[in-house]
Amino acid sequence: MPEAKSSTHQSGQALIEFDQWAELAKSDPEAFEARRAATIEAVIQQMPAHKQQRMRCLQWKIDQVRNRAANPMAACIKLSEMMWDSLVGPGGLRDTLEQVSEGRFQPQPRATVLEFPAAQ
């Protein structure tokens, strides 16, 4: 069986050492979750500022799917379905690319979001 390889950052440094993460998940699930959250936040922090909030919202959605799933495999299947929907579902990447190539693309309308004072 071939050895699993980790993805590498531009610096050549591994982003995730799978065996270390797997061992941590088995031996100390709370520490694993804390490290996972910190790593995800570090990746989000490296993104352009205008994309960070959207990525935090997406991560929240992913975390909710994981929390609600009966087991890790059920979470994996649901997350895979979400990814496929964003690619080939209505309004997904494929639809958008087809609209652009056919000259029918219209950007989503924008609106001003009103801020309401906190209730006292």
C-alpha atoms as a PDB file:
ATOM      1  CA  MET A   1       0.000   0.000   0.000  1.00  0.00           C
ATOM      2  CA  PRO A   2       1.495   3.412  -0.931  1.00  0.00           C
ATOM      3  CA  GLU A   3       2.301   5.813   1.871  1.00  0.00           C
ATOM      4  CA  ALA A   4      -0.100   8.754   2.285  1.00  0.00           C
ATOM      5  CA  LYS A   5       1.494  12.069   1.445  1.00  0.00           C
ATOM      6  CA  SER A   6       0.659  15.420   2.941  1.00  0.00           C
ATOM      7  CA  SER A   7      -0.111  18.516   0.925  1.00  0.00           C
ATOM      8  CA  THR A   8       2.646  21.065   1.039  1.00  0.00           C
ATOM      9  CA  HIS A   9       2.670  24.810   1.343  1.00  0.00           C
ATOM     10  CA  GLN A  10       4.660  26.978  -1.072  1.00  0.00           C
ATOM     11  CA  SER A  11       7.494  26.881   1.463  1.00  0.00           C
ATOM     12  CA  GLY A  12       7.682  23.096   1.014  1.00  0.00           C
ATOM     13  CA  GLN A  13       6.462  22.594   4.573  1.00  0.00           C
ATOM     14  CA  ALA A  14       3.621  20.093   5.084  1.00  0.00           C
ATOM     15  CA  LEU A  15       0.278  21.743   5.811  1.00  0.00           C
ATOM     16  CA  ILE A  16      -1.088  18.706   7.604  1.00  0.00           C
ATOM     17  CA  GLU A  17       0.859  15.726   8.886  1.00  0.00           C
ATOM     18  CA  PHE A  18      -1.914  13.137   8.604  1.00  0.00           C
ATOM     19  CA  ASP A  19      -0.428  10.560  10.968  1.00  0.00           C
ATOM     20  CA  GLN A  20       0.129  13.150  13.707  1.00  0.00           C
ATOM     21  CA  TRP A  21      -3.413  14.505  13.330  1.00  0.00           C
ATOM     22  CA  ALA A  22      -4.898  10.991  13.332  1.00  0.00           C
ATOM     23  CA  GLU A  23      -2.994  10.079  16.486  1.00  0.00           C
ATOM     24  CA  LEU A  24      -4.105  13.303  18.196  1.00  0.00           C
ATOM     25  CA  ALA A  25      -7.747  12.628  17.223  1.00  0.00           C
ATOM     26  CA  LYS A  26      -7.524   9.171  18.808  1.00  0.00           C
ATOM     27  CA  SER A  27      -5.612  10.140  21.933  1.00  0.00           C
ATOM     28  CA  ASP A  28      -7.096  13.574  22.724  1.00  0.00           C
ATOM     29  CA  PRO A  29     -10.226  14.496  20.723  1.00  0.00           C
ATOM     30  CA  GLU A  30     -10.596  17.864  22.498  1.00  0.00           C
ATOM     31  CA  ALA A  31      -7.023  18.885  21.640  1.00  0.00           C
ATOM     32  CA  PHE A  32      -7.611  17.699  18.079  1.00  0.00           C
ATOM     33  CA  GLU A  33     -10.719  19.905  17.741  1.00  0.00           C
ATOM     34  CA  ALA A  34      -8.888  22.902  19.222  1.00  0.00           C
ATOM     35  CA  ARG A  35      -5.972  22.406  16.823  1.00  0.00           C
ATOM     36  CA  ARG A  36      -8.362  21.907  13.896  1.00  0.00           C
ATOM     37  CA  ALA A  37     -10.201  25.138  14.693  1.00  0.00           C
ATOM     38  CA  ALA A  38      -6.943  27.063  15.098  1.00  0.00           C
ATOM     39  CA  THR A  39      -5.576  25.729  11.803  1.00  0.00           C
ATOM     40  CA  ILE A  40      -8.763  26.602   9.942  1.00  0.00           C
ATOM     41  CA  GLU A  41      -8.736  30.115  11.404  1.00  0.00           C
ATOM     42  CA  ALA A  42      -5.081  30.530  10.409  1.00  0.00           C
ATOM     43  CA  VAL A  43      -5.947  29.605   6.816  1.00  0.00           C
ATOM     44  CA  ILE A  44      -8.895  32.023   6.815  1.00  0.00           C
ATOM     45  CA  GLN A  45      -6.652  34.789   8.197  1.00  0.00           C
ATOM     46  CA  GLN A  46      -4.349  34.349   5.181  1.00  0.00           C
ATOM     47  CA  MET A  47      -7.199  35.048   2.773  1.00  0.00           C
ATOM     48  CA  PRO A  48      -8.015  38.515   1.476  1.00  0.00           C
ATOM     49  CA  ALA A  49      -9.995  40.480   4.073  1.00  0.00           C
ATOM     50  CA  HIS A  50     -13.075  40.734   1.848  1.00  0.00           C
ATOM     51  CA  LYS A  51     -13.363  36.907   1.685  1.00  0.00           C
ATOM     52  CA  GLN A  52     -12.788  36.078   5.340  1.00  0.00           C
ATOM     53  CA  GLN A  53     -16.354  36.546   6.579  1.00  0.00           C
ATOM     54  CA  ARG A  54     -17.743  34.364   3.811  1.00  0.00           C
ATOM     55  CA  MET A  55     -15.207  31.651   4.655  1.00  0.00           C
ATOM     56  CA  ARG A  56     -16.109  31.812   8.347  1.00  0.00           C
ATOM     57  CA  CYS A  57     -19.781  31.408   7.420  1.00  0.00           C
ATOM     58  CA  LEU A  58     -18.953  28.436   5.212  1.00  0.00           C
ATOM     59  CA  GLN A  59     -16.878  26.875   7.989  1.00  0.00           C
ATOM     60  CA  TRP A  60     -19.775  27.391  10.405  1.00  0.00           C
ATOM     61  CA  LYS A  61     -22.050  25.563   7.976  1.00  0.00           C
ATOM     62  CA  ILE A  62     -19.532  22.712   7.662  1.00  0.00           C
ATOM     63  CA  ASP A  63     -19.250  22.485  11.451  1.00  0.00           C
ATOM     64  CA  GLN A  64     -23.045  22.312  11.774  1.00  0.00           C
ATOM     65  CA  VAL A  65     -23.220  19.453   9.272  1.00  0.00           C
ATOM     66  CA  ARG A  66     -20.518  17.623  11.231  1.00  0.00           C
ATOM     67  CA  ASN A  67     -22.301  18.248  14.543  1.00  0.00           C
ATOM     68  CA  ARG A  68     -25.684  17.057  13.264  1.00  0.00           C
ATOM     69  CA  ALA A  69     -24.412  13.952  11.484  1.00  0.00           C
ATOM     70  CA  ALA A  70     -24.927  10.576  13.114  1.00  0.00           C
ATOM     71  CA  ASN A  71     -21.286   9.641  12.491  1.00  0.00           C
ATOM     72  CA  PRO A  72     -18.187  10.851  10.615  1.00  0.00           C
ATOM     73  CA  MET A  73     -19.083   8.951   7.438  1.00  0.00           C
ATOM     74  CA  ALA A  74     -22.556  10.534   7.344  1.00  0.00           C
ATOM     75  CA  ALA A  75     -20.924  13.962   7.727  1.00  0.00           C
ATOM     76  CA  CYS A  76     -18.479  13.175   4.925  1.00  0.00           C
ATOM     77  CA  ILE A  77     -21.301  12.119   2.594  1.00  0.00           C
ATOM     78  CA  LYS A  78     -23.367  15.231   3.366  1.00  0.00           C
ATOM     79  CA  LEU A  79     -20.365  17.534   2.865  1.00  0.00           C
ATOM     80  CA  SER A  80     -19.596  15.797  -0.427  1.00  0.00           C
ATOM     81  CA  GLU A  81     -23.194  16.392  -1.533  1.00  0.00           C
ATOM     82  CA  MET A  82     -22.858  20.070  -0.598  1.00  0.00           C
ATOM     83  CA  MET A  83     -19.700  20.380  -2.698  1.00  0.00           C
ATOM     84  CA  TRP A  84     -21.310  18.709  -5.697  1.00  0.00           C
ATOM     85  CA  ASP A  85     -24.365  20.970  -5.373  1.00  0.00           C
ATOM     86  CA  SER A  86     -22.153  24.048  -5.402  1.00  0.00           C
ATOM     87  CA  LEU A  87     -20.499  22.761  -8.556  1.00  0.00           C
ATOM     88  CA  VAL A  88     -23.337  21.307 -10.634  1.00  0.00           C
ATOM     89  CA  GLY A  89     -26.512  22.297  -8.767  1.00  0.00           C
ATOM     90  CA  PRO A  90     -28.787  25.222  -9.647  1.00  0.00           C
ATOM     91  CA  GLY A  91     -26.798  28.448  -9.507  1.00  0.00           C
ATOM     92  CA  GLY A  92     -23.585  26.457  -9.139  1.00  0.00           C
ATOM     93  CA  LEU A  93     -20.254  26.987 -10.821  1.00  0.00           C
ATOM     94  CA  ARG A  94     -21.240  25.092 -13.954  1.00  0.00           C
ATOM     95  CA  ASP A  95     -24.372  27.236 -14.442  1.00  0.00           C
ATOM     96  CA  THR A  96     -22.392  30.405 -13.903  1.00  0.00           C
ATOM     97  CA  LEU A  97     -19.678  29.396 -16.373  1.00  0.00           C
ATOM     98  CA  GLU A  98     -22.312  28.475 -18.963  1.00  0.00           C
ATOM     99  CA  GLN A  99     -24.016  31.853 -18.491  1.00  0.00           C
ATOM    100  CA  VAL A 100     -20.707  33.682 -18.903  1.00  0.00           C
ATOM    101  CA  SER A 101     -19.758  31.728 -22.024  1.00  0.00           C
ATOM    102  CA  GLU A 102     -23.192  32.375 -23.559  1.00  0.00           C
ATOM    103  CA  GLY A 103     -23.188  36.079 -22.655  1.00  0.00           C
ATOM    104  CA  ARG A 104     -26.187  35.700 -20.299  1.00  0.00           C
ATOM    105  CA  PHE A 105     -24.414  36.262 -16.991  1.00  0.00           C
ATOM    106  CA  GLN A 106     -25.944  38.874 -14.706  1.00  0.00           C
ATOM    107  CA  PRO A 107     -24.300  39.517 -11.343  1.00  0.00           C
ATOM    108  CA  GLN A 108     -26.408  39.132  -8.231  1.00  0.00           C
ATOM    109  CA  PRO A 109     -28.088  42.388  -7.193  1.00  0.00           C
ATOM    110  CA  ARG A 110     -26.557  44.162  -4.230  1.00  0.00           C
ATOM    111  CA  ALA A 111     -28.400  45.696  -1.325  1.00  0.00           C
ATOM    112  CA  THR A 112     -27.539  47.879   1.616  1.00  0.00           C
ATOM    113  CA  VAL A 113     -27.690  45.990   4.893  1.00  0.00           C
ATOM    114  CA  LEU A 114     -29.255  48.028   7.661  1.00  0.00           C
ATOM    115  CA  GLU A 115     -27.846  47.871  11.155  1.00  0.00           C
ATOM    116  CA  PHE A 116     -30.365  47.859  13.963  1.00  0.00           C
ATOM    117  CA  PRO A 117     -29.398  49.002  17.456  1.00  0.00           C
ATOM    118  CA  ALA A 118     -29.189  46.270  20.058  1.00  0.00           C
ATOM    119  CA  ALA A 119     -32.244  45.864  22.256  1.00  0.00           C
ATOM    120  CA  GLN A 120     -31.703  47.147  25.776  1.00  0.00           C
END
